[in-house]
Structures are given as structure tokens and as C-alpha cells.
Amino acid sequence: MSFLEFAVWGSYLISLGNYLSRVGLSEQIGWFYFVQGLVSLFMPAVIGIVADRWINAQRMLSLCQLIAACFMFGAGFYCSTSGQEVAFAPLFVLYTCSVAFYMPTIGLANSVAYTALARAGLDSVTHFPPIRVFGTIGFICAMLFVNFTNFQTSYAQLFTSGVFGVILALYSLTLPNCPTDRGNSKSLAEALGLKAFSLMKDRKMAVFFLFSMLLGVSLQITNSYGNVFISGFEDIPQYSGNYFARNANFLISLSQMSETLCILLIPLCLKRFGIKGVMLMSMFAWVLRFGFFGIGDPGMGVWLFILSMIVYGIAFDFFNVSGSLYVDKQTHPSMRSSAQGLFMIMTNGIGASIGTYGAQTVVNHFVFSQTDPLARLEGWRISWLCFAGYALVVAILFIFCFRDNSRAAIGKREAETLGGEDPGGMVEIEKL
């Protein structure tokens, strides 16, 4: 289940921009990633309430995956019949409907896994992380599949995602039954984390959530534009036929591999450096992530790209997972879920949405306004260095604005809880 869940996402998340740029929608790439953050503000909460009260989680998972797959098939069919005349509006509507039903399935899959583990008498804190690792493996395998089939440059990646979705929809019907609770009084406001806004009365938490949003701006930028940037080197004679330019998804998959390893460092780093130190590591890792993109190339400078992929594990995990643990430690158990919901809204909702919209503005100005490949490359370099500069400013401000001298005493529960990360950039708050 975990493998298929993220294979659905990995089929297009990294490579969609590549295809869009080839059908004349380069300037609209950001909207396709912006809408993911937008629907994440409310759809997981709405679907989660339905699954809690009326429809068993495994059936809701099947239904949502089936609906998402149908809309993704619709998007693929539209593209296949449109050739190079793909219009933004119909494709965007079909895509939006698909991701609106896909995003809630991440939490639903977690719920099904926890229920199954509980019925088997297993501890979810101990046994869930190894299961969740298969999600990252599924994401990577889907990326590599669309890379080596050359689907990353065509609408076939949408059909690939739809096929994985249908398989999971059918398989979900065989999963253990998850009981509903019709007496559940949890409101939509609670599910969205709105109650946790009272935490803003505490200056330290208000500053933390503010910087979580500012750092969340960086989350989807390389997902949106990394593939199209690296693939674009093929248009330059010097890099024509270059292996890494032709296999951008393969190169970017190193980022997800790094994620699975860097998460193991979090307990040690939190104990040694505290939340402020770990968050600063993440912020400076984002500076390096963007900076290496800006000065690297797929030729002699490919080692800089590889370094960018390696530091991504620190940039993503040290922010998302450590931030969630910090919120968990700083809030009362009665508000824990709401606080995690607020963290999700600030990072993967508001922050990521603002980031993709802002990145689209920058890239459109410096890159897609150019027609000469060399001019575009220079525009890319300026854009990546702008993003690196933004991350650096956020890091410097964080040093002076956030004060928490305590070391995050990660107990056994917190340390073992790690493993709820998301390979495309979305942290799985439900685990915490």
C-alpha cells in the first residue's frame, strides 16, 4: 500500500514541468504546484472527517484513489488528443480535481496502516517506519520508471500515475477494515488546526510558525522546476546528448535517497544542537540546494548537482520532521492535533503555495522570457541564486529572531516516531 501510494505521486510530481514546457505551458508550471498547496489546506481535513464518521478509511482510500486516477486519466487523454495544442484551462481543471482527491489519501493510508498494526498487536511507533520507507522506494521507482521510458517528457506520465492509482484503489478493498466513529465530534475547524492559532499568543511559537511559513516557501521550488532546468541543458550544443540532461529524473531521485538516510541523523542532532540549531542546518542546506543548482551543470559540474541532491535530505527532513517534533513538545496533548494541523497549513499550505507562485514569477521573468538557450541558462542561474539568497536572508533573520536555548530532549517516543516524511515535499503530520 505504501509503495503504491507514493508511486502515484512520483510518476509526475518531479517531471510534470518538463512536459508542460514542451507543450508551450512553461509560464504556467507554477500553477500546477501552487494548487497542490491550496487543496492541502482543506481537502485532507474534509475527507478525514468523512472517513472518521461515515465511510471506512480503507474504502475512502479506494474511492479517493479511483476518483483521482479517473481525473488523471482524463488529463492524459486530453493531452494525447491535443498534440502540441494543449490549452492551460482544461488540463489545469482535470489536474486540480485529481490532486484534490489524491492529497487526502496520504493521511488515509496512514490510518489504514495504524489500524492493521494495532490489530496485529504491533507497536505502530516501532513498526510503521519500516513500512513507510516503502513509500519513498515507490516514489523513487516511479521516478526512475518515467525517466528510463522517457515518459518524463510526455503525457504518458499522467497515464502511469492513473494506472498506479487504479491498482491501489482495487488493492485497498482487500485491506483490514477500519471502524468509523459516528459519535466523533471533531469539527472542521479542529481538523484544519484553527484552534491552534491561540498558540500565537506565545511569542516564541508565533515566531516559530512564522519562520515555518517562510521556510515552507522553498519546499516545492525544485520539484516544480528542477527537471525542466536540468533537461534544458540538452538545447545547448555543448551538452547535447549529455546523460544527466537526458535523465534528469534519475539525477533528482538522489534527493529522495538522501531523505531516507538523513532522517536517521535527526535524534542525534536535536539532542546536540536543539531545535534552533537543527532548523538553521535546514535553512543553510536550502541555500546550498539552490546555490549548487545555480553554479552546476550536467557536464564537468555535475558533482555540484549531486551535492545539491545530497543536501536536500537535510534541507527537507531537518525542517519538516524536526519542526513537527518541536510543535509536538511545545503543545498540550489536548491541542496536539490542531497544532500539527497549523504546522501543515503554514508550511505545506501557505508557505509552499506562496513559494511556487513567487518562483513562477521569477522564472518567467528571467528564463521563459528568453528564446536563446544560453540566455535561458543565464536566467536559470540568476533564478536559482535568487532563491538561495532568499533562503540565506531567512536563515540570518532566524538567528536573531528565534530564541530557544533549550536542547530538544528527544525521548524514546519522539526518537522512534521519526519516519513520517514525505518524498515530494509533504510531511505526514498524521504520524505525530
Protein backbone atom coordinates (compact mmCIF):
# COMPACT_ATOMS: atom_id res chain seq x y z
CA MET A 1 0.00 0.00 0.00
CA SER A 2 2.72 2.44 0.97
CA PHE A 3 4.73 1.66 -2.17
CA LEU A 4 1.73 2.27 -4.45
CA GLU A 5 0.57 5.37 -2.55
CA PHE A 6 3.71 7.29 -3.39
CA ALA A 7 4.31 5.69 -6.77
CA VAL A 8 1.12 7.52 -7.82
CA TRP A 9 2.75 10.81 -6.87
CA GLY A 10 6.28 10.08 -8.02
CA SER A 11 5.03 9.36 -11.54
CA TYR A 12 4.54 13.06 -12.27
CA LEU A 13 5.50 15.33 -9.37
CA ILE A 14 9.11 15.88 -10.44
CA SER A 15 8.70 15.55 -14.21
CA LEU A 16 5.42 17.37 -14.94
CA GLY A 17 7.20 20.68 -15.53
CA ASN A 18 9.30 19.03 -18.24
CA TYR A 19 6.21 18.01 -20.20
CA LEU A 20 4.43 21.32 -19.67
CA SER A 21 7.41 23.23 -21.04
CA ARG A 22 7.35 21.09 -24.19
CA VAL A 23 3.71 21.91 -24.96
CA GLY A 24 4.04 25.65 -24.55
CA LEU A 25 2.90 25.93 -20.91
CA SER A 26 6.26 26.90 -19.41
CA GLU A 27 4.90 30.09 -17.87
CA GLN A 28 2.06 28.18 -16.16
CA ILE A 29 4.17 25.47 -14.48
CA GLY A 30 3.94 27.14 -11.08
CA TRP A 31 0.14 26.99 -11.03
CA PHE A 32 0.17 23.18 -11.13
CA TYR A 33 2.26 23.10 -7.94
CA PHE A 34 0.52 26.06 -6.32
CA VAL A 35 -2.81 24.24 -6.44
CA GLN A 36 -1.37 21.26 -4.54
CA GLY A 37 -0.72 23.50 -1.56
CA LEU A 38 -4.10 25.15 -1.96
CA VAL A 39 -6.13 21.92 -1.84
CA SER A 40 -3.96 20.69 1.06
CA LEU A 41 -5.41 23.49 3.18
CA PHE A 42 -8.83 21.84 3.41
CA MET A 43 -9.30 18.59 1.45
CA PRO A 44 -7.40 16.25 3.83
CA ALA A 45 -9.44 17.59 6.76
CA VAL A 46 -12.77 17.23 4.95
CA ILE A 47 -12.07 13.70 3.69
CA GLY A 48 -10.60 12.74 7.07
CA ILE A 49 -13.82 13.71 8.86
CA VAL A 50 -15.87 11.65 6.38
CA ALA A 51 -13.59 8.65 6.96
CA ASP A 52 -13.78 9.07 10.73
CA ARG A 53 -17.58 9.24 10.85
CA TRP A 54 -19.23 7.56 7.89
CA ILE A 55 -17.03 5.65 5.40
CA ASN A 56 -14.34 3.20 6.49
CA ALA A 57 -10.85 4.56 5.88
CA GLN A 58 -9.79 1.74 3.54
CA ARG A 59 -12.91 2.24 1.39
CA MET A 60 -12.43 6.00 1.42
CA LEU A 61 -8.84 5.43 0.35
CA SER A 62 -10.06 3.27 -2.54
CA LEU A 63 -12.72 5.79 -3.56
CA CYS A 64 -10.38 8.78 -3.48
CA GLN A 65 -7.67 6.96 -5.40
CA LEU A 66 -10.18 5.87 -8.03
CA ILE A 67 -11.56 9.38 -8.48
CA ALA A 68 -8.04 10.86 -8.59
CA ALA A 69 -6.99 8.24 -11.16
CA CYS A 70 -10.03 8.93 -13.35
CA PHE A 71 -9.26 12.64 -13.47
CA MET A 72 -5.58 11.90 -14.14
CA PHE A 73 -6.60 9.58 -16.99
CA GLY A 74 -8.81 12.39 -18.23
CA ALA A 75 -5.86 14.78 -18.16
CA GLY A 76 -3.71 12.27 -20.03
CA PHE A 77 -6.41 11.61 -22.62
CA TYR A 78 -6.93 15.33 -23.20
CA CYS A 79 -3.19 15.81 -23.75
CA SER A 80 -2.96 12.79 -26.06
CA THR A 81 -5.69 14.17 -28.31
CA SER A 82 -4.39 17.74 -28.26
CA GLY A 83 -0.85 17.11 -29.51
CA GLN A 84 1.13 20.35 -29.15
CA GLU A 85 -2.04 22.44 -28.82
CA VAL A 86 -2.64 21.76 -25.12
CA ALA A 87 -4.67 24.54 -23.51
CA PHE A 88 -4.00 25.53 -19.92
CA ALA A 89 -7.58 25.70 -18.60
CA PRO A 90 -8.90 22.16 -19.34
CA LEU A 91 -5.66 20.46 -18.31
CA PHE A 92 -5.42 22.52 -15.12
CA VAL A 93 -9.02 21.74 -14.12
CA LEU A 94 -8.57 17.99 -14.65
CA TYR A 95 -5.26 18.02 -12.81
CA THR A 96 -6.65 20.05 -9.90
CA CYS A 97 -9.55 17.63 -9.44
CA SER A 98 -7.11 14.74 -9.40
CA VAL A 99 -4.73 16.17 -6.78
CA ALA A 100 -7.69 17.37 -4.67
CA PHE A 101 -8.68 13.73 -4.16
CA TYR A 102 -5.12 12.40 -4.03
CA MET A 103 -3.73 14.60 -1.23
CA PRO A 104 -6.14 13.24 1.45
CA THR A 105 -5.06 9.68 0.68
CA ILE A 106 -1.68 10.19 2.36
CA GLY A 107 -3.39 10.51 5.74
CA LEU A 108 -5.90 7.77 4.92
CA ALA A 109 -3.09 5.35 4.09
CA ASN A 110 -1.52 6.12 7.47
CA SER A 111 -4.81 5.43 9.24
CA VAL A 112 -5.17 2.08 7.50
CA ALA A 113 -1.60 1.13 8.40
CA TYR A 114 -2.04 2.04 12.07
CA THR A 115 -5.27 0.03 12.28
CA ALA A 116 -3.64 -3.02 10.70
CA LEU A 117 -0.66 -2.82 13.05
CA ALA A 118 -2.89 -2.44 16.10
CA ARG A 119 -4.95 -5.49 15.11
CA ALA A 120 -1.77 -7.49 14.71
CA GLY A 121 -0.67 -6.48 18.20
CA LEU A 122 2.28 -4.50 16.85
CA ASP A 123 3.56 -1.12 18.06
CA SER A 124 3.00 1.47 15.33
CA VAL A 125 5.85 3.65 16.64
CA THR A 126 8.29 0.77 16.16
CA HIS A 127 6.86 -0.99 13.13
CA PHE A 128 5.44 1.83 11.00
CA PRO A 129 8.73 3.49 9.89
CA PRO A 130 10.00 0.39 8.02
CA ILE A 131 6.62 0.22 6.26
CA ARG A 132 6.75 3.92 5.41
CA VAL A 133 10.18 3.53 3.85
CA PHE A 134 8.46 1.59 1.07
CA GLY A 135 6.62 4.82 0.22
CA THR A 136 9.91 6.53 -0.53
CA ILE A 137 11.01 3.46 -2.51
CA GLY A 138 7.76 3.60 -4.50
CA PHE A 139 8.29 7.29 -5.22
CA ILE A 140 11.84 6.66 -6.43
CA CYS A 141 10.85 3.64 -8.55
CA ALA A 142 8.09 5.63 -10.26
CA MET A 143 10.53 8.47 -10.95
CA LEU A 144 13.05 6.08 -12.46
CA PHE A 145 10.36 4.32 -14.50
CA VAL A 146 9.15 7.52 -16.17
CA ASN A 147 12.79 8.55 -16.62
CA PHE A 148 14.06 5.46 -18.43
CA THR A 149 10.88 5.05 -20.50
CA ASN A 150 11.24 8.72 -21.46
CA PHE A 151 7.71 9.32 -20.14
CA GLN A 152 9.09 12.34 -18.25
CA THR A 153 8.85 14.32 -21.49
CA SER A 154 5.29 13.27 -22.42
CA TYR A 155 1.72 12.94 -21.18
CA ALA A 156 2.41 9.22 -20.61
CA GLN A 157 3.47 10.09 -17.05
CA LEU A 158 -0.15 11.04 -16.32
CA PHE A 159 -1.38 7.64 -17.52
CA THR A 160 1.35 5.99 -15.41
CA SER A 161 0.06 7.76 -12.31
CA GLY A 162 -3.50 6.75 -13.17
CA VAL A 163 -2.54 3.08 -13.53
CA PHE A 164 -0.85 3.05 -10.13
CA GLY A 165 -3.94 4.77 -8.69
CA VAL A 166 -6.35 2.17 -10.06
CA ILE A 167 -4.18 -0.68 -8.77
CA LEU A 168 -4.14 0.88 -5.31
CA ALA A 169 -7.89 1.57 -5.44
CA LEU A 170 -8.53 -2.12 -6.06
CA TYR A 171 -5.95 -3.30 -3.56
CA SER A 172 -7.36 -1.00 -0.87
CA LEU A 173 -10.57 -3.04 -0.86
CA THR A 174 -8.58 -6.01 0.46
CA LEU A 175 -7.08 -4.07 3.38
CA PRO A 176 -8.21 -4.53 7.01
CA ASN A 177 -11.45 -2.84 7.95
CA CYS A 178 -11.11 0.49 9.78
CA PRO A 179 -14.06 1.22 12.09
CA THR A 180 -15.86 4.55 11.97
CA ASP A 181 -16.93 6.65 14.94
CA ARG A 182 -20.25 8.34 14.29
CA GLY A 183 -20.02 9.99 17.69
CA ASN A 184 -16.85 11.79 16.73
CA SER A 185 -17.41 15.47 17.48
CA LYS A 186 -14.27 16.77 15.82
CA SER A 187 -15.17 19.84 13.79
CA LEU A 188 -13.70 21.04 10.50
CA ALA A 189 -12.06 23.95 12.33
CA GLU A 190 -10.33 21.50 14.68
CA ALA A 191 -9.26 19.26 11.80
CA LEU A 192 -7.76 22.23 9.98
CA GLY A 193 -5.79 23.18 13.06
CA LEU A 194 -7.54 26.52 13.51
CA LYS A 195 -7.84 26.08 17.28
CA ALA A 196 -4.08 26.10 17.47
CA PHE A 197 -3.95 29.75 16.41
CA SER A 198 -4.22 30.50 20.12
CA LEU A 199 -0.58 29.38 20.31
CA MET A 200 0.31 32.62 18.56
CA LYS A 201 -0.12 34.35 21.92
CA ASP A 202 3.24 32.84 22.84
CA ARG A 203 5.90 34.97 21.12
CA LYS A 204 8.30 32.05 20.72
CA MET A 205 5.68 29.89 18.99
CA ALA A 206 4.44 32.79 16.89
CA VAL A 207 7.98 33.38 15.60
CA PHE A 208 8.46 29.66 15.01
CA PHE A 209 5.28 29.34 12.94
CA LEU A 210 6.13 32.50 11.00
CA PHE A 211 9.54 31.13 10.03
CA SER A 212 7.98 27.75 9.28
CA MET A 213 5.88 29.52 6.67
CA LEU A 214 8.89 31.45 5.33
CA LEU A 215 10.92 28.26 5.04
CA GLY A 216 7.95 26.41 3.57
CA VAL A 217 8.28 28.77 0.60
CA SER A 218 11.26 26.68 -0.53
CA LEU A 219 9.56 23.28 -0.40
CA GLN A 220 8.18 22.89 -3.92
CA ILE A 221 10.53 25.07 -5.98
CA THR A 222 12.92 22.33 -7.11
CA ASN A 223 10.01 19.91 -7.54
CA SER A 224 8.43 22.44 -9.89
CA TYR A 225 11.45 23.48 -11.91
CA GLY A 226 14.35 21.10 -11.22
CA ASN A 227 13.59 18.66 -14.04
CA VAL A 228 12.85 21.27 -16.70
CA PHE A 229 16.04 23.14 -15.71
CA ILE A 230 18.34 20.12 -15.99
CA SER A 231 16.64 18.82 -19.15
CA GLY A 232 17.03 22.25 -20.74
CA PHE A 233 20.79 21.76 -20.99
CA GLU A 234 20.16 19.47 -23.97
CA ASP A 235 19.25 22.54 -26.02
CA ILE A 236 22.81 23.81 -25.62
CA PRO A 237 25.21 22.21 -28.17
CA GLN A 238 27.87 21.70 -25.52
CA TYR A 239 25.55 19.41 -23.53
CA SER A 240 23.58 17.85 -26.38
CA GLY A 241 23.17 14.14 -25.65
CA ASN A 242 24.52 14.53 -22.10
CA TYR A 243 23.46 11.55 -19.98
CA PHE A 244 22.31 13.55 -16.96
CA ALA A 245 20.48 16.13 -19.07
CA ARG A 246 18.55 13.28 -20.73
CA ASN A 247 17.90 11.55 -17.39
CA ALA A 248 17.00 14.42 -15.09
CA ASN A 249 14.58 12.32 -13.04
CA PHE A 250 17.32 9.81 -12.32
CA LEU A 251 19.61 12.57 -11.08
CA ILE A 252 16.89 14.16 -8.95
CA SER A 253 15.96 10.78 -7.43
CA LEU A 254 19.20 11.07 -5.43
CA SER A 255 17.36 13.70 -3.37
CA GLN A 256 14.80 11.17 -2.19
CA MET A 257 17.53 8.64 -1.47
CA SER A 258 19.25 11.25 0.67
CA GLU A 259 16.00 11.82 2.57
CA THR A 260 15.85 8.21 3.75
CA LEU A 261 19.35 8.49 5.19
CA CYS A 262 19.33 11.99 6.69
CA ILE A 263 16.30 11.30 8.85
CA LEU A 264 18.46 8.96 10.93
CA LEU A 265 20.60 11.93 11.98
CA ILE A 266 17.73 13.93 13.47
CA PRO A 267 17.61 12.45 17.02
CA LEU A 268 21.35 12.95 17.48
CA CYS A 269 21.32 16.49 16.08
CA LEU A 270 18.29 17.55 18.12
CA LYS A 271 19.93 16.35 21.32
CA ARG A 272 23.23 18.02 20.46
CA PHE A 273 22.13 21.31 18.85
CA GLY A 274 18.48 21.84 19.84
CA ILE A 275 15.66 22.91 17.57
CA LYS A 276 17.27 26.23 16.64
CA GLY A 277 20.50 24.57 15.53
CA VAL A 278 18.70 21.91 13.52
CA MET A 279 16.40 24.43 11.83
CA LEU A 280 19.42 26.54 10.92
CA MET A 281 21.05 23.48 9.37
CA SER A 282 17.95 23.05 7.26
CA MET A 283 17.90 26.72 6.23
CA PHE A 284 21.56 26.77 5.20
CA ALA A 285 21.05 23.44 3.42
CA TRP A 286 18.36 25.16 1.33
CA VAL A 287 20.90 27.87 0.48
CA LEU A 288 23.28 25.16 -0.76
CA ARG A 289 20.47 23.26 -2.52
CA PHE A 290 19.60 26.28 -4.67
CA GLY A 291 23.15 27.61 -4.90
CA PHE A 292 24.57 24.35 -6.27
CA PHE A 293 21.80 24.32 -8.87
CA GLY A 294 22.80 27.85 -9.84
CA ILE A 295 26.50 27.14 -10.42
CA GLY A 296 26.39 23.49 -11.52
CA ASP A 297 25.90 21.83 -14.87
CA PRO A 298 25.40 18.25 -16.10
CA GLY A 299 28.93 18.10 -17.52
CA MET A 300 32.09 18.76 -15.51
CA GLY A 301 29.95 20.49 -12.90
CA VAL A 302 27.61 17.55 -12.31
CA TRP A 303 29.24 16.98 -8.92
CA LEU A 304 27.62 20.24 -7.79
CA PHE A 305 24.22 18.86 -8.84
CA ILE A 306 24.95 15.68 -6.89
CA LEU A 307 25.87 17.72 -3.81
CA SER A 308 22.59 19.61 -4.21
CA MET A 309 20.72 16.30 -4.15
CA ILE A 310 22.60 15.15 -1.05
CA VAL A 311 21.96 18.31 1.00
CA TYR A 312 18.26 18.10 0.10
CA GLY A 313 17.86 15.37 2.72
CA ILE A 314 19.00 17.81 5.42
CA ALA A 315 17.04 20.70 3.93
CA PHE A 316 13.76 18.79 3.90
CA ASP A 317 13.96 16.36 6.84
CA PHE A 318 15.60 18.67 9.37
CA PHE A 319 12.84 21.21 8.76
CA ASN A 320 9.70 19.12 8.37
CA VAL A 321 10.28 16.27 10.79
CA SER A 322 12.17 18.23 13.45
CA GLY A 323 9.69 21.08 13.23
CA SER A 324 6.80 18.70 13.79
CA LEU A 325 8.53 17.16 16.80
CA TYR A 326 9.14 20.61 18.26
CA VAL A 327 5.49 21.57 17.85
CA ASP A 328 4.53 18.28 19.49
CA LYS A 329 6.75 19.01 22.51
CA GLN A 330 5.58 22.61 22.91
CA THR A 331 1.83 22.00 22.89
CA HIS A 332 -0.60 20.45 25.33
CA PRO A 333 -1.89 16.99 24.32
CA SER A 334 -5.41 18.38 24.01
CA MET A 335 -4.21 20.68 21.21
CA ARG A 336 -1.58 18.42 19.68
CA SER A 337 -3.51 17.51 16.52
CA SER A 338 -4.63 21.09 15.95
CA ALA A 339 -1.07 22.33 16.37
CA GLN A 340 0.19 19.82 13.82
CA GLY A 341 -2.59 20.91 11.50
CA LEU A 342 -1.45 24.51 11.88
CA PHE A 343 2.13 23.49 11.13
CA MET A 344 0.86 21.78 7.96
CA ILE A 345 -1.08 24.89 6.94
CA MET A 346 1.88 27.22 7.48
CA THR A 347 4.43 25.05 5.67
CA ASN A 348 2.83 22.86 3.02
CA GLY A 349 -0.21 25.06 2.57
CA ILE A 350 0.50 28.79 2.77
CA GLY A 351 4.30 28.63 2.54
CA ALA A 352 4.53 26.18 -0.37
CA SER A 353 1.75 27.96 -2.28
CA ILE A 354 3.41 31.36 -1.93
CA GLY A 355 6.74 29.79 -2.86
CA THR A 356 5.56 28.21 -6.10
CA TYR A 357 3.72 31.38 -7.14
CA GLY A 358 6.75 33.53 -6.36
CA ALA A 359 9.12 31.10 -8.09
CA GLN A 360 6.90 31.16 -11.17
CA THR A 361 7.15 34.95 -11.29
CA VAL A 362 10.94 34.86 -11.01
CA VAL A 363 11.45 32.05 -13.55
CA ASN A 364 9.02 33.56 -16.05
CA HIS A 365 10.88 36.85 -15.86
CA PHE A 366 14.44 35.57 -16.10
CA VAL A 367 14.03 32.30 -18.05
CA PHE A 368 10.90 31.84 -20.11
CA SER A 369 11.02 35.40 -21.41
CA GLN A 370 14.18 34.35 -23.29
CA THR A 371 14.30 32.36 -26.54
CA ASP A 372 18.05 31.75 -26.84
CA PRO A 373 19.17 28.61 -24.90
CA LEU A 374 22.25 30.35 -23.50
CA ALA A 375 20.17 33.31 -22.36
CA ARG A 376 17.75 30.90 -20.70
CA LEU A 377 20.62 29.17 -18.91
CA GLU A 378 21.81 32.51 -17.58
CA GLY A 379 18.25 33.22 -16.47
CA TRP A 380 18.14 29.90 -14.64
CA ARG A 381 21.38 30.70 -12.85
CA ILE A 382 20.05 34.08 -11.75
CA SER A 383 16.79 32.47 -10.59
CA TRP A 384 18.49 29.77 -8.51
CA LEU A 385 20.80 32.30 -6.91
CA CYS A 386 17.78 34.49 -6.10
CA PHE A 387 16.18 31.52 -4.33
CA ALA A 388 19.46 30.83 -2.49
CA GLY A 389 19.62 34.48 -1.45
CA TYR A 390 16.07 34.30 -0.12
CA ALA A 391 16.90 31.21 1.96
CA LEU A 392 20.03 32.92 3.29
CA VAL A 393 18.08 36.01 4.39
CA VAL A 394 15.53 33.80 6.19
CA ALA A 395 18.35 31.95 7.96
CA ILE A 396 20.04 35.16 9.13
CA LEU A 397 16.76 36.60 10.39
CA PHE A 398 16.01 33.34 12.19
CA ILE A 399 19.32 33.57 14.07
CA PHE A 400 18.33 36.89 15.61
CA CYS A 401 14.55 36.50 15.91
CA PHE A 402 14.05 33.00 17.31
CA ARG A 403 15.20 32.30 20.85
CA ASP A 404 15.01 28.84 22.36
CA ASN A 405 18.15 27.87 24.23
CA SER A 406 16.82 24.55 25.42
CA ARG A 407 18.09 21.35 23.86
CA ALA A 408 15.29 19.23 22.42
CA ALA A 409 15.35 16.29 24.80
CA ILE A 410 14.14 13.68 22.41
CA GLY A 411 12.82 10.80 24.42
CA LYS A 412 12.35 7.30 23.21
CA ARG A 413 8.86 8.01 21.82
CA GLU A 414 9.95 11.07 19.84
CA ALA A 415 13.10 9.42 18.51
CA GLU A 416 11.27 6.33 17.34
CA THR A 417 8.44 8.34 15.85
CA LEU A 418 10.73 9.59 13.08
CA GLY A 419 9.95 8.14 9.71
CA GLY A 420 6.85 10.14 8.77
CA GLU A 421 8.48 12.15 5.99
CA ASP A 422 7.10 12.64 2.50
CA PRO A 423 9.40 12.33 -0.55
CA GLY A 424 7.76 15.00 -2.76
CA GLY A 425 7.96 17.63 -0.02
CA MET A 426 4.73 16.97 2.08
CA VAL A 427 5.29 15.94 5.74
CA GLU A 428 2.87 13.38 7.10
CA ILE A 429 1.57 15.20 10.14
CA GLU A 430 -0.87 12.40 10.94
CA LYS A 431 2.02 10.27 12.26
CA LEU A 432 2.64 12.77 15.02
